[in-house]
Amino acid sequence: MLAEPLSPPAAKALILDILANGQFAFSNHALEEMGKEDPDITEEEAFSVLRGGVVEPAELRSGSWRYRVRSRGIYVVLAFRSETRAKIVTAWRTRR
């Protein structure tokens, strides 16, 4: 059981560990939002943001802790399900 909220450095370490050894799932909402962007945000782009992006402090939303990760104008929001699983809740590209 995770003791949330995690600090940004602890969340980043867990994200990297899950990318290497665990499993990420995409919510239907995330897939819909990623498909609305121009251009679409691919799953690989989302994983790239998680690998190289900056994790912001956690926010409690809808009963779970959400972690926003940003890189190169793309934001990815995730929720940890366990120490080996996480779900991408939504993603978007900033407008210029």
C-alpha atoms as a PDB file:
ATOM      1  CA  MET A   1       0.000   0.000   0.000  1.00  0.00           C
ATOM      2  CA  LEU A   2       1.375   3.385  -1.000  1.00  0.00           C
ATOM      3  CA  ALA A   3       1.609   6.121   1.624  1.00  0.00           C
ATOM      4  CA  GLU A   4       0.310   8.980  -0.506  1.00  0.00           C
ATOM      5  CA  PRO A   5       0.723  11.717  -1.335  1.00  0.00           C
ATOM      6  CA  LEU A   6       4.241  11.118  -2.598  1.00  0.00           C
ATOM      7  CA  SER A   7       6.731  13.950  -2.914  1.00  0.00           C
ATOM      8  CA  PRO A   8       7.547  14.877  -6.524  1.00  0.00           C
ATOM      9  CA  PRO A   9      10.974  13.123  -6.374  1.00  0.00           C
ATOM     10  CA  ALA A  10       9.407   9.970  -4.871  1.00  0.00           C
ATOM     11  CA  ALA A  11       6.622  10.027  -7.485  1.00  0.00           C
ATOM     12  CA  LYS A  12       9.209  10.416 -10.270  1.00  0.00           C
ATOM     13  CA  ALA A  13      11.206   7.441  -8.948  1.00  0.00           C
ATOM     14  CA  LEU A  14       8.051   5.302  -8.804  1.00  0.00           C
ATOM     15  CA  ILE A  15       6.993   6.371 -12.311  1.00  0.00           C
ATOM     16  CA  LEU A  16      10.395   5.333 -13.683  1.00  0.00           C
ATOM     17  CA  ASP A  17      10.216   2.011 -11.836  1.00  0.00           C
ATOM     18  CA  ILE A  18       6.717   1.294 -13.169  1.00  0.00           C
ATOM     19  CA  LEU A  19       7.837   2.205 -16.702  1.00  0.00           C
ATOM     20  CA  ALA A  20      10.692  -0.304 -16.397  1.00  0.00           C
ATOM     21  CA  ASN A  21       9.027  -3.087 -14.433  1.00  0.00           C
ATOM     22  CA  GLY A  22       5.299  -2.457 -14.087  1.00  0.00           C
ATOM     23  CA  GLN A  23       2.204  -1.586 -16.036  1.00  0.00           C
ATOM     24  CA  PHE A  24       0.518   1.622 -17.152  1.00  0.00           C
ATOM     25  CA  ALA A  25      -3.085   1.728 -18.319  1.00  0.00           C
ATOM     26  CA  PHE A  26      -4.891   4.577 -20.065  1.00  0.00           C
ATOM     27  CA  SER A  27      -8.362   5.641 -18.950  1.00  0.00           C
ATOM     28  CA  ASN A  28     -10.973   6.047 -21.663  1.00  0.00           C
ATOM     29  CA  HIS A  29     -11.003   9.754 -20.836  1.00  0.00           C
ATOM     30  CA  ALA A  30      -7.229   9.982 -21.404  1.00  0.00           C
ATOM     31  CA  LEU A  31      -7.466   8.265 -24.787  1.00  0.00           C
ATOM     32  CA  GLU A  32     -10.313  10.567 -25.838  1.00  0.00           C
ATOM     33  CA  GLU A  33      -8.460  13.709 -24.760  1.00  0.00           C
ATOM     34  CA  MET A  34      -5.203  12.594 -26.378  1.00  0.00           C
ATOM     35  CA  GLY A  35      -7.113  12.070 -29.641  1.00  0.00           C
ATOM     36  CA  LYS A  36      -8.598  15.582 -29.503  1.00  0.00           C
ATOM     37  CA  GLU A  37      -5.210  17.293 -29.490  1.00  0.00           C
ATOM     38  CA  ASP A  38      -3.751  18.752 -32.673  1.00  0.00           C
ATOM     39  CA  PRO A  39      -1.676  16.780 -33.399  1.00  0.00           C
ATOM     40  CA  ASP A  40      -2.825  13.753 -31.417  1.00  0.00           C
ATOM     41  CA  ILE A  41      -0.744  12.817 -28.382  1.00  0.00           C
ATOM     42  CA  THR A  42       0.477   9.266 -28.922  1.00  0.00           C
ATOM     43  CA  GLU A  43       0.939   6.732 -26.140  1.00  0.00           C
ATOM     44  CA  GLU A  44       4.698   6.848 -26.809  1.00  0.00           C
ATOM     45  CA  GLU A  45       4.680  10.649 -26.369  1.00  0.00           C
ATOM     46  CA  ALA A  46       2.862  10.209 -23.047  1.00  0.00           C
ATOM     47  CA  PHE A  47       5.485   7.686 -21.909  1.00  0.00           C
ATOM     48  CA  SER A  48       8.245  10.073 -23.027  1.00  0.00           C
ATOM     49  CA  VAL A  49       6.730  12.831 -20.861  1.00  0.00           C
ATOM     50  CA  LEU A  50       6.621  10.433 -17.909  1.00  0.00           C
ATOM     51  CA  ARG A  51      10.275   9.453 -18.449  1.00  0.00           C
ATOM     52  CA  GLY A  52      11.712  12.937 -18.865  1.00  0.00           C
ATOM     53  CA  GLY A  53       9.171  15.323 -17.412  1.00  0.00           C
ATOM     54  CA  VAL A  54       8.874  17.300 -14.212  1.00  0.00           C
ATOM     55  CA  VAL A  55       6.448  15.952 -11.597  1.00  0.00           C
ATOM     56  CA  GLU A  56       4.336  18.595  -9.855  1.00  0.00           C
ATOM     57  CA  PRO A  57       2.995  18.215  -6.277  1.00  0.00           C
ATOM     58  CA  ALA A  58       0.107  15.753  -5.953  1.00  0.00           C
ATOM     59  CA  GLU A  59      -3.525  16.887  -5.883  1.00  0.00           C
ATOM     60  CA  LEU A  60      -6.412  14.951  -4.324  1.00  0.00           C
ATOM     61  CA  ARG A  61      -9.128  14.565  -6.987  1.00  0.00           C
ATOM     62  CA  SER A  62     -12.144  12.258  -7.038  1.00  0.00           C
ATOM     63  CA  GLY A  63     -10.824  10.336  -4.051  1.00  0.00           C
ATOM     64  CA  SER A  64      -7.354   9.589  -5.405  1.00  0.00           C
ATOM     65  CA  TRP A  65      -4.033  11.377  -5.568  1.00  0.00           C
ATOM     66  CA  ARG A  66      -3.224  12.705  -9.046  1.00  0.00           C
ATOM     67  CA  TYR A  67       0.262  13.557 -10.249  1.00  0.00           C
ATOM     68  CA  ARG A  68       0.767  15.992 -13.128  1.00  0.00           C
ATOM     69  CA  VAL A  69       3.916  15.521 -15.206  1.00  0.00           C
ATOM     70  CA  ARG A  70       4.969  18.129 -17.772  1.00  0.00           C
ATOM     71  CA  SER A  71       7.492  18.180 -20.583  1.00  0.00           C
ATOM     72  CA  ARG A  72       7.794  20.097 -23.863  1.00  0.00           C
ATOM     73  CA  GLY A  73       4.288  21.528 -23.710  1.00  0.00           C
ATOM     74  CA  ILE A  74       2.546  18.242 -22.904  1.00  0.00           C
ATOM     75  CA  TYR A  75       0.939  17.440 -19.563  1.00  0.00           C
ATOM     76  CA  VAL A  76       0.149  13.887 -18.434  1.00  0.00           C
ATOM     77  CA  VAL A  77      -1.864  13.224 -15.264  1.00  0.00           C
ATOM     78  CA  LEU A  78      -1.649   9.845 -13.564  1.00  0.00           C
ATOM     79  CA  ALA A  79      -2.851   8.024 -10.472  1.00  0.00           C
ATOM     80  CA  PHE A  80      -0.936   5.188  -8.845  1.00  0.00           C
ATOM     81  CA  ARG A  81      -2.920   1.980  -8.332  1.00  0.00           C
ATOM     82  CA  SER A  82      -0.093   0.120  -6.552  1.00  0.00           C
ATOM     83  CA  GLU A  83       3.698   0.068  -6.486  1.00  0.00           C
ATOM     84  CA  THR A  84       3.679  -1.671  -9.878  1.00  0.00           C
ATOM     85  CA  ARG A  85       0.612  -0.190 -11.604  1.00  0.00           C
ATOM     86  CA  ALA A  86      -0.541   3.288 -12.577  1.00  0.00           C
ATOM     87  CA  LYS A  87      -3.304   4.759 -14.719  1.00  0.00           C
ATOM     88  CA  ILE A  88      -2.973   7.744 -17.013  1.00  0.00           C
ATOM     89  CA  VAL A  89      -6.066   9.804 -16.282  1.00  0.00           C
ATOM     90  CA  THR A  90      -5.729  12.540 -18.914  1.00  0.00           C
ATOM     91  CA  ALA A  91      -3.238  14.353 -21.118  1.00  0.00           C
ATOM     92  CA  TRP A  92      -3.157  17.582 -23.096  1.00  0.00           C
ATOM     93  CA  ARG A  93      -0.898  19.856 -25.086  1.00  0.00           C
ATOM     94  CA  THR A  94      -0.541  23.493 -24.089  1.00  0.00           C
ATOM     95  CA  ARG A  95      -1.713  26.053 -26.578  1.00  0.00           C
ATOM     96  CA  ARG A  96       0.809  28.521 -27.943  1.00  0.00           C
END
